[in-house]
PDB file of N, CA and C in Angstrom:
ATOM      1  N   GLU A   1       0.855  -1.176   0.000  1.00  0.00           N
ATOM      2  CA  GLU A   1       0.000   0.000   0.000  1.00  0.00           C
ATOM      3  C   GLU A   1       0.900   1.238   0.000  1.00  0.00           C
ATOM      4  N   GLY A   2       0.572   2.196  -0.825  1.00  0.00           N
ATOM      5  CA  GLY A   2       1.391   3.394  -0.941  1.00  0.00           C
ATOM      6  C   GLY A   2       1.322   4.278   0.288  1.00  0.00           C
ATOM      7  N   TRP A   3       2.366   5.088   0.447  1.00  0.00           N
ATOM      8  CA  TRP A   3       2.481   5.965   1.607  1.00  0.00           C
ATOM      9  C   TRP A   3       1.290   6.913   1.720  1.00  0.00           C
ATOM     10  N   ASN A   4       0.889   7.549   0.623  1.00  0.00           N
ATOM     11  CA  ASN A   4      -0.232   8.496   0.666  1.00  0.00           C
ATOM     12  C   ASN A   4      -1.528   7.810   1.083  1.00  0.00           C
ATOM     13  N   ARG A   5      -1.763   6.618   0.575  1.00  0.00           N
ATOM     14  CA  ARG A   5      -2.973   5.865   0.939  1.00  0.00           C
ATOM     15  C   ARG A   5      -2.939   5.502   2.424  1.00  0.00           C
ATOM     16  N   LEU A   6      -1.774   5.076   2.897  1.00  0.00           N
ATOM     17  CA  LEU A   6      -1.628   4.726   4.311  1.00  0.00           C
ATOM     18  C   LEU A   6      -1.878   5.951   5.196  1.00  0.00           C
ATOM     19  N   CYS A   7      -1.320   7.088   4.818  1.00  0.00           N
ATOM     20  CA  CYS A   7      -1.546   8.326   5.585  1.00  0.00           C
ATOM     21  C   CYS A   7      -3.030   8.660   5.648  1.00  0.00           C
ATOM     22  N   LYS A   8      -3.711   8.491   4.533  1.00  0.00           N
ATOM     23  CA  LYS A   8      -5.145   8.780   4.489  1.00  0.00           C
ATOM     24  C   LYS A   8      -5.911   7.847   5.425  1.00  0.00           C
ATOM     25  N   ARG A   9      -5.557   6.563   5.427  1.00  0.00           N
ATOM     26  CA  ARG A   9      -6.253   5.600   6.294  1.00  0.00           C
ATOM     27  C   ARG A   9      -6.011   5.902   7.772  1.00  0.00           C
ATOM     28  N   VAL A  10      -4.779   6.283   8.117  1.00  0.00           N
ATOM     29  CA  VAL A  10      -4.466   6.633   9.505  1.00  0.00           C
ATOM     30  C   VAL A  10      -5.267   7.869   9.918  1.00  0.00           C
ATOM     31  N   ARG A  11      -5.289   8.894   9.065  1.00  0.00           N
ATOM     32  CA  ARG A  11      -6.058  10.101   9.367  1.00  0.00           C
ATOM     33  C   ARG A  11      -7.536   9.777   9.551  1.00  0.00           C
ATOM     34  N   GLU A  12      -8.097   8.969   8.658  1.00  0.00           N
ATOM     35  CA  GLU A  12      -9.512   8.601   8.757  1.00  0.00           C
ATOM     36  C   GLU A  12      -9.801   7.851  10.050  1.00  0.00           C
ATOM     37  N   ALA A  13      -8.900   6.947  10.434  1.00  0.00           N
ATOM     38  CA  ALA A  13      -9.084   6.200  11.684  1.00  0.00           C
ATOM     39  C   ALA A  13      -9.064   7.146  12.882  1.00  0.00           C
ATOM     40  N   CYS A  14      -8.133   8.091  12.880  1.00  0.00           N
ATOM     41  CA  CYS A  14      -8.048   9.050  13.991  1.00  0.00           C
ATOM     42  C   CYS A  14      -9.282   9.938  14.050  1.00  0.00           C
ATOM     43  N   GLU A  15      -9.759  10.372  12.889  1.00  0.00           N
ATOM     44  CA  GLU A  15     -10.944  11.232  12.859  1.00  0.00           C
ATOM     45  C   GLU A  15     -12.207  10.473  13.259  1.00  0.00           C
ATOM     46  N   THR A  16     -12.287   9.207  12.866  1.00  0.00           N
ATOM     47  CA  THR A  16     -13.486   8.411  13.131  1.00  0.00           C
ATOM     48  C   THR A  16     -13.486   7.806  14.529  1.00  0.00           C
ATOM     49  N   PHE A  17     -12.353   7.208  14.914  1.00  0.00           N
ATOM     50  CA  PHE A  17     -12.290   6.449  16.167  1.00  0.00           C
ATOM     51  C   PHE A  17     -11.421   7.100  17.240  1.00  0.00           C
ATOM     52  N   GLY A  18     -10.599   8.063  16.862  1.00  0.00           N
ATOM     53  CA  GLY A  18      -9.702   8.700  17.821  1.00  0.00           C
ATOM     54  C   GLY A  18      -8.398   7.958  18.017  1.00  0.00           C
ATOM     55  N   CYS A  19      -8.200   6.868  17.283  1.00  0.00           N
ATOM     56  CA  CYS A  19      -6.975   6.084  17.420  1.00  0.00           C
ATOM     57  C   CYS A  19      -6.864   5.114  16.251  1.00  0.00           C
ATOM     58  N   PHE A  20      -5.765   4.383  16.221  1.00  0.00           N
ATOM     59  CA  PHE A  20      -5.609   3.291  15.268  1.00  0.00           C
ATOM     60  C   PHE A  20      -4.713   2.247  15.909  1.00  0.00           C
ATOM     61  N   ASP A  21      -4.742   1.064  15.398  1.00  0.00           N
ATOM     62  CA  ASP A  21      -4.008  -0.066  15.965  1.00  0.00           C
ATOM     63  C   ASP A  21      -3.012  -0.571  14.933  1.00  0.00           C
ATOM     64  N   VAL A  22      -1.750  -0.616  15.307  1.00  0.00           N
ATOM     65  CA  VAL A  22      -0.714  -1.161  14.442  1.00  0.00           C
ATOM     66  C   VAL A  22      -0.397  -2.556  14.954  1.00  0.00           C
ATOM     67  N   VAL A  23      -0.489  -3.541  14.087  1.00  0.00           N
ATOM     68  CA  VAL A  23      -0.244  -4.924  14.480  1.00  0.00           C
ATOM     69  C   VAL A  23       1.124  -5.348  13.964  1.00  0.00           C
ATOM     70  N   TYR A  24       1.978  -5.763  14.887  1.00  0.00           N
ATOM     71  CA  TYR A  24       3.304  -6.273  14.553  1.00  0.00           C
ATOM     72  C   TYR A  24       3.215  -7.788  14.650  1.00  0.00           C
ATOM     73  N   LYS A  25       3.306  -8.463  13.539  1.00  0.00           N
ATOM     74  CA  LYS A  25       3.006  -9.898  13.472  1.00  0.00           C
ATOM     75  C   LYS A  25       3.925 -10.775  14.320  1.00  0.00           C
ATOM     76  N   LYS A  26       5.074 -10.252  14.737  1.00  0.00           N
ATOM     77  CA  LYS A  26       5.973 -11.052  15.567  1.00  0.00           C
ATOM     78  C   LYS A  26       5.513 -11.106  17.028  1.00  0.00           C
ATOM     79  N   ILE A  27       4.534 -10.275  17.378  1.00  0.00           N
ATOM     80  CA  ILE A  27       3.954 -10.317  18.725  1.00  0.00           C
ATOM     81  C   ILE A  27       2.646 -11.087  18.618  1.00  0.00           C
ATOM     82  N   SER A  28       2.560 -12.168  19.358  1.00  0.00           N
ATOM     83  CA  SER A  28       1.405 -13.060  19.236  1.00  0.00           C
ATOM     84  C   SER A  28       0.110 -12.393  19.687  1.00  0.00           C
ATOM     85  N   THR A  29      -0.983 -12.909  19.167  1.00  0.00           N
ATOM     86  CA  THR A  29      -2.308 -12.427  19.559  1.00  0.00           C
ATOM     87  C   THR A  29      -2.507 -12.599  21.058  1.00  0.00           C
ATOM     88  N   LYS A  30      -2.029 -13.690  21.621  1.00  0.00           N
ATOM     89  CA  LYS A  30      -2.163 -13.961  23.056  1.00  0.00           C
ATOM     90  C   LYS A  30      -1.483 -12.868  23.887  1.00  0.00           C
ATOM     91  N   ILE A  31      -0.282 -12.483  23.499  1.00  0.00           N
ATOM     92  CA  ILE A  31       0.434 -11.438  24.237  1.00  0.00           C
ATOM     93  C   ILE A  31      -0.317 -10.114  24.135  1.00  0.00           C
ATOM     94  N   ARG A  32      -0.813  -9.785  22.959  1.00  0.00           N
ATOM     95  CA  ARG A  32      -1.582  -8.543  22.784  1.00  0.00           C
ATOM     96  C   ARG A  32      -2.843  -8.565  23.645  1.00  0.00           C
ATOM     97  N   GLU A  33      -3.564  -9.685  23.647  1.00  0.00           N
ATOM     98  CA  GLU A  33      -4.782  -9.796  24.459  1.00  0.00           C
ATOM     99  C   GLU A  33      -4.466  -9.658  25.943  1.00  0.00           C
ATOM    100  N   ASP A  34      -3.389 -10.317  26.388  1.00  0.00           N
ATOM    101  CA  ASP A  34      -2.980 -10.211  27.794  1.00  0.00           C
ATOM    102  C   ASP A  34      -2.643  -8.763  28.158  1.00  0.00           C
ATOM    103  N   ALA A  35      -1.943  -8.077  27.270  1.00  0.00           N
ATOM    104  CA  ALA A  35      -1.572  -6.685  27.530  1.00  0.00           C
ATOM    105  C   ALA A  35      -2.816  -5.811  27.661  1.00  0.00           C
ATOM    106  N   PHE A  36      -3.793  -6.008  26.789  1.00  0.00           N
ATOM    107  CA  PHE A  36      -5.015  -5.205  26.871  1.00  0.00           C
ATOM    108  C   PHE A  36      -5.813  -5.518  28.131  1.00  0.00           C
ATOM    109  N   GLU A  37      -5.799  -6.766  28.582  1.00  0.00           N
ATOM    110  CA  GLU A  37      -6.478  -7.104  29.841  1.00  0.00           C
ATOM    111  C   GLU A  37      -5.809  -6.385  31.013  1.00  0.00           C
ATOM    112  N   LEU A  38      -4.475  -6.354  31.015  1.00  0.00           N
ATOM    113  CA  LEU A  38      -3.765  -5.645  32.079  1.00  0.00           C
ATOM    114  C   LEU A  38      -4.027  -4.144  32.017  1.00  0.00           C
ATOM    115  N   LEU A  39      -4.151  -3.606  30.815  1.00  0.00           N
ATOM    116  CA  LEU A  39      -4.462  -2.178  30.682  1.00  0.00           C
ATOM    117  C   LEU A  39      -5.818  -1.848  31.292  1.00  0.00           C
ATOM    118  N   LYS A  40      -6.778  -2.753  31.137  1.00  0.00           N
ATOM    119  CA  LYS A  40      -8.090  -2.536  31.757  1.00  0.00           C
ATOM    120  C   LYS A  40      -7.939  -2.422  33.273  1.00  0.00           C
ATOM    121  N   GLU A  41      -7.103  -3.276  33.853  1.00  0.00           N
ATOM    122  CA  GLU A  41      -6.877  -3.220  35.299  1.00  0.00           C
ATOM    123  C   GLU A  41      -6.192  -1.919  35.694  1.00  0.00           C
ATOM    124  N   LEU A  42      -5.279  -1.447  34.857  1.00  0.00           N
ATOM    125  CA  LEU A  42      -4.574  -0.204  35.150  1.00  0.00           C
ATOM    126  C   LEU A  42      -5.533   0.982  35.151  1.00  0.00           C
ATOM    127  N   VAL A  43      -6.457   1.008  34.227  1.00  0.00           N
ATOM    128  CA  VAL A  43      -7.441   2.091  34.165  1.00  0.00           C
ATOM    129  C   VAL A  43      -8.308   2.103  35.424  1.00  0.00           C
ATOM    130  N   GLU A  44      -8.531   0.944  36.017  1.00  0.00           N
ATOM    131  CA  GLU A  44      -9.379   0.840  37.209  1.00  0.00           C
ATOM    132  C   GLU A  44      -8.670   1.237  38.504  1.00  0.00           C
ATOM    133  N   VAL A  45      -7.359   1.462  38.451  1.00  0.00           N
ATOM    134  CA  VAL A  45      -6.622   1.894  39.644  1.00  0.00           C
ATOM    135  C   VAL A  45      -7.185   3.248  40.091  1.00  0.00           C
ATOM    136  N   PRO A  46      -7.378   3.443  41.403  1.00  0.00           N
ATOM    137  CA  PRO A  46      -7.923   4.720  41.882  1.00  0.00           C
ATOM    138  C   PRO A  46      -7.067   5.919  41.447  1.00  0.00           C
ATOM    139  N   VAL A  47      -7.737   7.014  41.133  1.00  0.00           N
ATOM    140  CA  VAL A  47      -7.069   8.228  40.658  1.00  0.00           C
ATOM    141  C   VAL A  47      -5.994   8.683  41.641  1.00  0.00           C
ATOM    142  N   GLU A  48      -6.272   8.601  42.932  1.00  0.00           N
ATOM    143  CA  GLU A  48      -5.310   9.038  43.945  1.00  0.00           C
ATOM    144  C   GLU A  48      -3.983   8.294  43.798  1.00  0.00           C
ATOM    145  N   ARG A  49      -4.045   7.028  43.444  1.00  0.00           N
ATOM    146  CA  ARG A  49      -2.831   6.236  43.273  1.00  0.00           C
ATOM    147  C   ARG A  49      -2.157   6.574  41.946  1.00  0.00           C
ATOM    148  N   LYS A  50      -2.942   6.748  40.893  1.00  0.00           N
ATOM    149  CA  LYS A  50      -2.379   7.099  39.583  1.00  0.00           C
ATOM    150  C   LYS A  50      -1.611   8.415  39.667  1.00  0.00           C
ATOM    151  N   GLN A  51      -2.124   9.358  40.459  1.00  0.00           N
ATOM    152  CA  GLN A  51      -1.492  10.666  40.581  1.00  0.00           C
ATOM    153  C   GLN A  51      -0.101  10.591  41.195  1.00  0.00           C
ATOM    154  N   LYS A  52       0.234   9.486  41.824  1.00  0.00           N
ATOM    155  CA  LYS A  52       1.568   9.307  42.401  1.00  0.00           C
ATOM    156  C   LYS A  52       2.616   9.013  41.331  1.00  0.00           C
ATOM    157  N   ASN A  53       2.179   8.642  40.137  1.00  0.00           N
ATOM    158  CA  ASN A  53       3.096   8.380  39.024  1.00  0.00           C
ATOM    159  C   ASN A  53       3.432   9.728  38.378  1.00  0.00           C
ATOM    160  N   THR A  54       4.441  10.394  38.925  1.00  0.00           N
ATOM    161  CA  THR A  54       4.793  11.742  38.490  1.00  0.00           C
ATOM    162  C   THR A  54       6.126  11.762  37.753  1.00  0.00           C
ATOM    163  N   SER A  55       6.356  12.844  37.057  1.00  0.00           N
ATOM    164  CA  SER A  55       7.622  13.061  36.366  1.00  0.00           C
ATOM    165  C   SER A  55       7.807  14.560  36.177  1.00  0.00           C
ATOM    166  N   PRO A  56       9.060  15.037  36.237  1.00  0.00           N
ATOM    167  CA  PRO A  56       9.296  16.461  35.960  1.00  0.00           C
ATOM    168  C   PRO A  56       9.147  16.791  34.467  1.00  0.00           C
ATOM    169  N   LEU A  57       9.113  15.777  33.630  1.00  0.00           N
ATOM    170  CA  LEU A  57       8.982  15.986  32.187  1.00  0.00           C
ATOM    171  C   LEU A  57       7.511  16.074  31.793  1.00  0.00           C
ATOM    172  N   PRO A  58       7.163  17.002  30.919  1.00  0.00           N
ATOM    173  CA  PRO A  58       5.766  17.112  30.486  1.00  0.00           C
ATOM    174  C   PRO A  58       5.278  15.825  29.822  1.00  0.00           C
ATOM    175  N   TYR A  59       4.052  15.443  30.133  1.00  0.00           N
ATOM    176  CA  TYR A  59       3.385  14.272  29.555  1.00  0.00           C
ATOM    177  C   TYR A  59       4.097  12.959  29.855  1.00  0.00           C
ATOM    178  N   HIS A  60       4.890  12.942  30.900  1.00  0.00           N
ATOM    179  CA  HIS A  60       5.461  11.707  31.422  1.00  0.00           C
ATOM    180  C   HIS A  60       4.760  11.483  32.753  1.00  0.00           C
ATOM    181  N   GLY A  61       4.806  10.282  33.260  1.00  0.00           N
ATOM    182  CA  GLY A  61       4.026  10.016  34.462  1.00  0.00           C
ATOM    183  C   GLY A  61       2.568   9.846  34.075  1.00  0.00           C
ATOM    184  N   TRP A  62       1.664  10.171  34.995  1.00  0.00           N
ATOM    185  CA  TRP A  62       0.229  10.034  34.705  1.00  0.00           C
ATOM    186  C   TRP A  62      -0.321  11.360  34.217  1.00  0.00           C
ATOM    187  N   VAL A  63      -1.094  11.309  33.144  1.00  0.00           N
ATOM    188  CA  VAL A  63      -1.805  12.476  32.628  1.00  0.00           C
ATOM    189  C   VAL A  63      -3.278  12.126  32.697  1.00  0.00           C
ATOM    190  N   GLY A  64      -4.013  12.864  33.502  1.00  0.00           N
ATOM    191  CA  GLY A  64      -5.417  12.555  33.723  1.00  0.00           C
ATOM    192  C   GLY A  64      -6.330  13.058  32.631  1.00  0.00           C
ATOM    193  N   PRO A  65      -7.614  12.846  32.818  1.00  0.00           N
ATOM    194  CA  PRO A  65      -8.592  13.278  31.823  1.00  0.00           C
ATOM    195  C   PRO A  65      -8.382  14.743  31.434  1.00  0.00           C
ATOM    196  N   CYS A  66      -8.488  14.983  30.156  1.00  0.00           N
ATOM    197  CA  CYS A  66      -8.226  16.311  29.602  1.00  0.00           C
ATOM    198  C   CYS A  66      -9.433  16.727  28.778  1.00  0.00           C
ATOM    199  N   GLU A  67     -10.124  17.762  29.220  1.00  0.00           N
ATOM    200  CA  GLU A  67     -11.345  18.180  28.525  1.00  0.00           C
ATOM    201  C   GLU A  67     -11.074  18.625  27.094  1.00  0.00           C
ATOM    202  N   GLN A  68      -9.864  19.126  26.809  1.00  0.00           N
ATOM    203  CA  GLN A  68      -9.543  19.540  25.448  1.00  0.00           C
ATOM    204  C   GLN A  68      -9.445  18.340  24.507  1.00  0.00           C
ATOM    205  N   VAL A  69      -9.080  17.192  25.038  1.00  0.00           N
ATOM    206  CA  VAL A  69      -8.949  15.979  24.223  1.00  0.00           C
ATOM    207  C   VAL A  69     -10.185  15.115  24.405  1.00  0.00           C
ATOM    208  N   SER A  70     -10.371  14.605  25.621  1.00  0.00           N
ATOM    209  CA  SER A  70     -11.516  13.765  25.958  1.00  0.00           C
ATOM    210  C   SER A  70     -11.523  13.545  27.459  1.00  0.00           C
ATOM    211  N   VAL A  71     -12.695  13.553  28.049  1.00  0.00           N
ATOM    212  CA  VAL A  71     -12.776  13.274  29.486  1.00  0.00           C
ATOM    213  C   VAL A  71     -12.418  11.821  29.771  1.00  0.00           C
ATOM    214  N   LEU A  72     -12.332  10.997  28.737  1.00  0.00           N
ATOM    215  CA  LEU A  72     -11.938   9.598  28.901  1.00  0.00           C
ATOM    216  C   LEU A  72     -10.439   9.394  28.725  1.00  0.00           C
ATOM    217  N   TYR A  73      -9.720  10.447  28.347  1.00  0.00           N
ATOM    218  CA  TYR A  73      -8.287  10.327  28.074  1.00  0.00           C
ATOM    219  C   TYR A  73      -7.490  10.122  29.350  1.00  0.00           C
ATOM    220  N   GLU A  74      -6.558   9.187  29.304  1.00  0.00           N
ATOM    221  CA  GLU A  74      -5.561   9.009  30.353  1.00  0.00           C
ATOM    222  C   GLU A  74      -4.270   8.593  29.684  1.00  0.00           C
ATOM    223  N   GLY A  75      -3.180   9.068  30.208  1.00  0.00           N
ATOM    224  CA  GLY A  75      -1.880   8.657  29.706  1.00  0.00           C
ATOM    225  C   GLY A  75      -1.001   8.219  30.860  1.00  0.00           C
ATOM    226  N   PHE A  76      -0.261   7.157  30.646  1.00  0.00           N
ATOM    227  CA  PHE A  76       0.671   6.655  31.650  1.00  0.00           C
ATOM    228  C   PHE A  76       2.062   6.607  31.035  1.00  0.00           C
ATOM    229  N   GLY A  77       3.003   7.240  31.686  1.00  0.00           N
ATOM    230  CA  GLY A  77       4.387   7.142  31.249  1.00  0.00           C
ATOM    231  C   GLY A  77       5.161   6.331  32.267  1.00  0.00           C
ATOM    232  N   VAL A  78       5.892   5.360  31.786  1.00  0.00           N
ATOM    233  CA  VAL A  78       6.741   4.548  32.657  1.00  0.00           C
ATOM    234  C   VAL A  78       8.176   4.830  32.237  1.00  0.00           C
ATOM    235  N   GLY A  79       8.897   5.552  33.080  1.00  0.00           N
ATOM    236  CA  GLY A  79      10.280   5.874  32.756  1.00  0.00           C
ATOM    237  C   GLY A  79      11.118   4.619  32.599  1.00  0.00           C
ATOM    238  N   ASP A  80      11.913   4.569  31.542  1.00  0.00           N
ATOM    239  CA  ASP A  80      12.802   3.433  31.267  1.00  0.00           C
ATOM    240  C   ASP A  80      12.016   2.121  31.258  1.00  0.00           C
ATOM    241  N   ALA A  81      10.959   2.079  30.455  1.00  0.00           N
ATOM    242  CA  ALA A  81      10.022   0.948  30.433  1.00  0.00           C
ATOM    243  C   ALA A  81      10.642  -0.367  29.981  1.00  0.00           C
ATOM    244  N   SER A  82      11.822  -0.328  29.392  1.00  0.00           N
ATOM    245  CA  SER A  82      12.466  -1.584  29.003  1.00  0.00           C
ATOM    246  C   SER A  82      13.303  -2.165  30.143  1.00  0.00           C
ATOM    247  N   ASN A  83      13.350  -1.457  31.271  1.00  0.00           N
ATOM    248  CA  ASN A  83      14.112  -1.903  32.428  1.00  0.00           C
ATOM    249  C   ASN A  83      13.174  -2.578  33.434  1.00  0.00           C
ATOM    250  N   TYR A  84      13.486  -3.815  33.801  1.00  0.00           N
ATOM    251  CA  TYR A  84      12.629  -4.591  34.704  1.00  0.00           C
ATOM    252  C   TYR A  84      12.370  -3.858  36.018  1.00  0.00           C
ATOM    253  N   ASP A  85      13.417  -3.290  36.618  1.00  0.00           N
ATOM    254  CA  ASP A  85      13.247  -2.617  37.909  1.00  0.00           C
ATOM    255  C   ASP A  85      12.333  -1.396  37.803  1.00  0.00           C
ATOM    256  N   SER A  86      12.398  -0.681  36.680  1.00  0.00           N
ATOM    257  CA  SER A  86      11.505   0.469  36.482  1.00  0.00           C
ATOM    258  C   SER A  86      10.053   0.023  36.384  1.00  0.00           C
ATOM    259  N   VAL A  87       9.816  -1.042  35.642  1.00  0.00           N
ATOM    260  CA  VAL A  87       8.452  -1.559  35.496  1.00  0.00           C
ATOM    261  C   VAL A  87       7.950  -2.093  36.835  1.00  0.00           C
ATOM    262  N   LYS A  88       8.816  -2.780  37.560  1.00  0.00           N
ATOM    263  CA  LYS A  88       8.436  -3.306  38.871  1.00  0.00           C
ATOM    264  C   LYS A  88       8.094  -2.163  39.831  1.00  0.00           C
ATOM    265  N   SER A  89       8.876  -1.107  39.800  1.00  0.00           N
ATOM    266  CA  SER A  89       8.612   0.055  40.651  1.00  0.00           C
ATOM    267  C   SER A  89       7.268   0.693  40.299  1.00  0.00           C
ATOM    268  N   PHE A  90       6.974   0.807  39.003  1.00  0.00           N
ATOM    269  CA  PHE A  90       5.687   1.343  38.560  1.00  0.00           C
ATOM    270  C   PHE A  90       4.547   0.452  39.044  1.00  0.00           C
ATOM    271  N   ALA A  91       4.702  -0.864  38.906  1.00  0.00           N
ATOM    272  CA  ALA A  91       3.662  -1.806  39.328  1.00  0.00           C
ATOM    273  C   ALA A  91       3.426  -1.711  40.835  1.00  0.00           C
ATOM    274  N   GLN A  92       4.493  -1.563  41.609  1.00  0.00           N
ATOM    275  CA  GLN A  92       4.341  -1.438  43.060  1.00  0.00           C
ATOM    276  C   GLN A  92       3.634  -0.138  43.436  1.00  0.00           C
ATOM    277  N   LEU A  93       3.847   0.899  42.648  1.00  0.00           N
ATOM    278  CA  LEU A  93       3.162   2.167  42.889  1.00  0.00           C
ATOM    279  C   LEU A  93       1.665   2.038  42.605  1.00  0.00           C
ATOM    280  N   MET A  94       1.329   1.352  41.520  1.00  0.00           N
ATOM    281  CA  MET A  94      -0.076   1.202  41.134  1.00  0.00           C
ATOM    282  C   MET A  94      -0.796   0.167  41.994  1.00  0.00           C
ATOM    283  N   TRP A  95      -0.101  -0.915  42.344  1.00  0.00           N
ATOM    284  CA  TRP A  95      -0.704  -1.998  43.128  1.00  0.00           C
ATOM    285  C   TRP A  95       0.165  -2.256  44.360  1.00  0.00           C
ATOM    286  N   PRO A  96       0.087  -1.390  45.376  1.00  0.00           N
ATOM    287  CA  PRO A  96       0.957  -1.527  46.548  1.00  0.00           C
ATOM    288  C   PRO A  96       0.784  -2.844  47.300  1.00  0.00           C
ATOM    289  N   ASN A  97      -0.362  -3.492  47.151  1.00  0.00           N
ATOM    290  CA  ASN A  97      -0.582  -4.791  47.797  1.00  0.00           C
ATOM    291  C   ASN A  97      -0.176  -5.947  46.900  1.00  0.00           C
ATOM    292  N   GLY A  98       0.450  -5.633  45.801  1.00  0.00           N
ATOM    293  CA  GLY A  98       0.914  -6.664  44.881  1.00  0.00           C
ATOM    294  C   GLY A  98      -0.075  -6.924  43.757  1.00  0.00           C
ATOM    295  N   HIS A  99       0.449  -7.488  42.706  1.00  0.00           N
ATOM    296  CA  HIS A  99      -0.343  -7.884  41.546  1.00  0.00           C
ATOM    297  C   HIS A  99       0.246  -9.204  41.064  1.00  0.00           C
ATOM    298  N   PRO A 100      -0.594 -10.206  40.802  1.00  0.00           N
ATOM    299  CA  PRO A 100      -0.070 -11.528  40.443  1.00  0.00           C
ATOM    300  C   PRO A 100       0.809 -11.542  39.192  1.00  0.00           C
ATOM    301  N   ARG A 101       0.642 -10.587  38.302  1.00  0.00           N
ATOM    302  CA  ARG A 101       1.453 -10.564  37.081  1.00  0.00           C
ATOM    303  C   ARG A 101       2.759  -9.792  37.256  1.00  0.00           C
ATOM    304  N   PHE A 102       2.907  -9.091  38.392  1.00  0.00           N
ATOM    305  CA  PHE A 102       4.100  -8.286  38.649  1.00  0.00           C
ATOM    306  C   PHE A 102       4.715  -8.679  39.982  1.00  0.00           C
ATOM    307  N   THR A 103       5.123  -9.910  40.099  1.00  0.00           N
ATOM    308  CA  THR A 103       5.724 -10.350  41.364  1.00  0.00           C
ATOM    309  C   THR A 103       7.208 -10.507  41.225  1.00  0.00           C
TER     310      THR A 103
END
């Protein structure tokens, strides 16, 4: 598919749905499904706890609902997300009593 056609499809998806999904075939469907299930749990974390995920950098850490974008918008930044200890620290912040997938 040509670049211009791809750009048009991405724009249409953003205008229609507010997002688009890029599928990388080397990541299994099972891993993607598991990740989305965990994301649902992350969204359910109380706001007071999410607010503890801070960063001095703009749009890093937790970014709460934004009326200019959508009241449903949330963003989570995990510093050095490829580092196990950073991810573990983030998980402990979100689930201080532990989480079975982050032990």
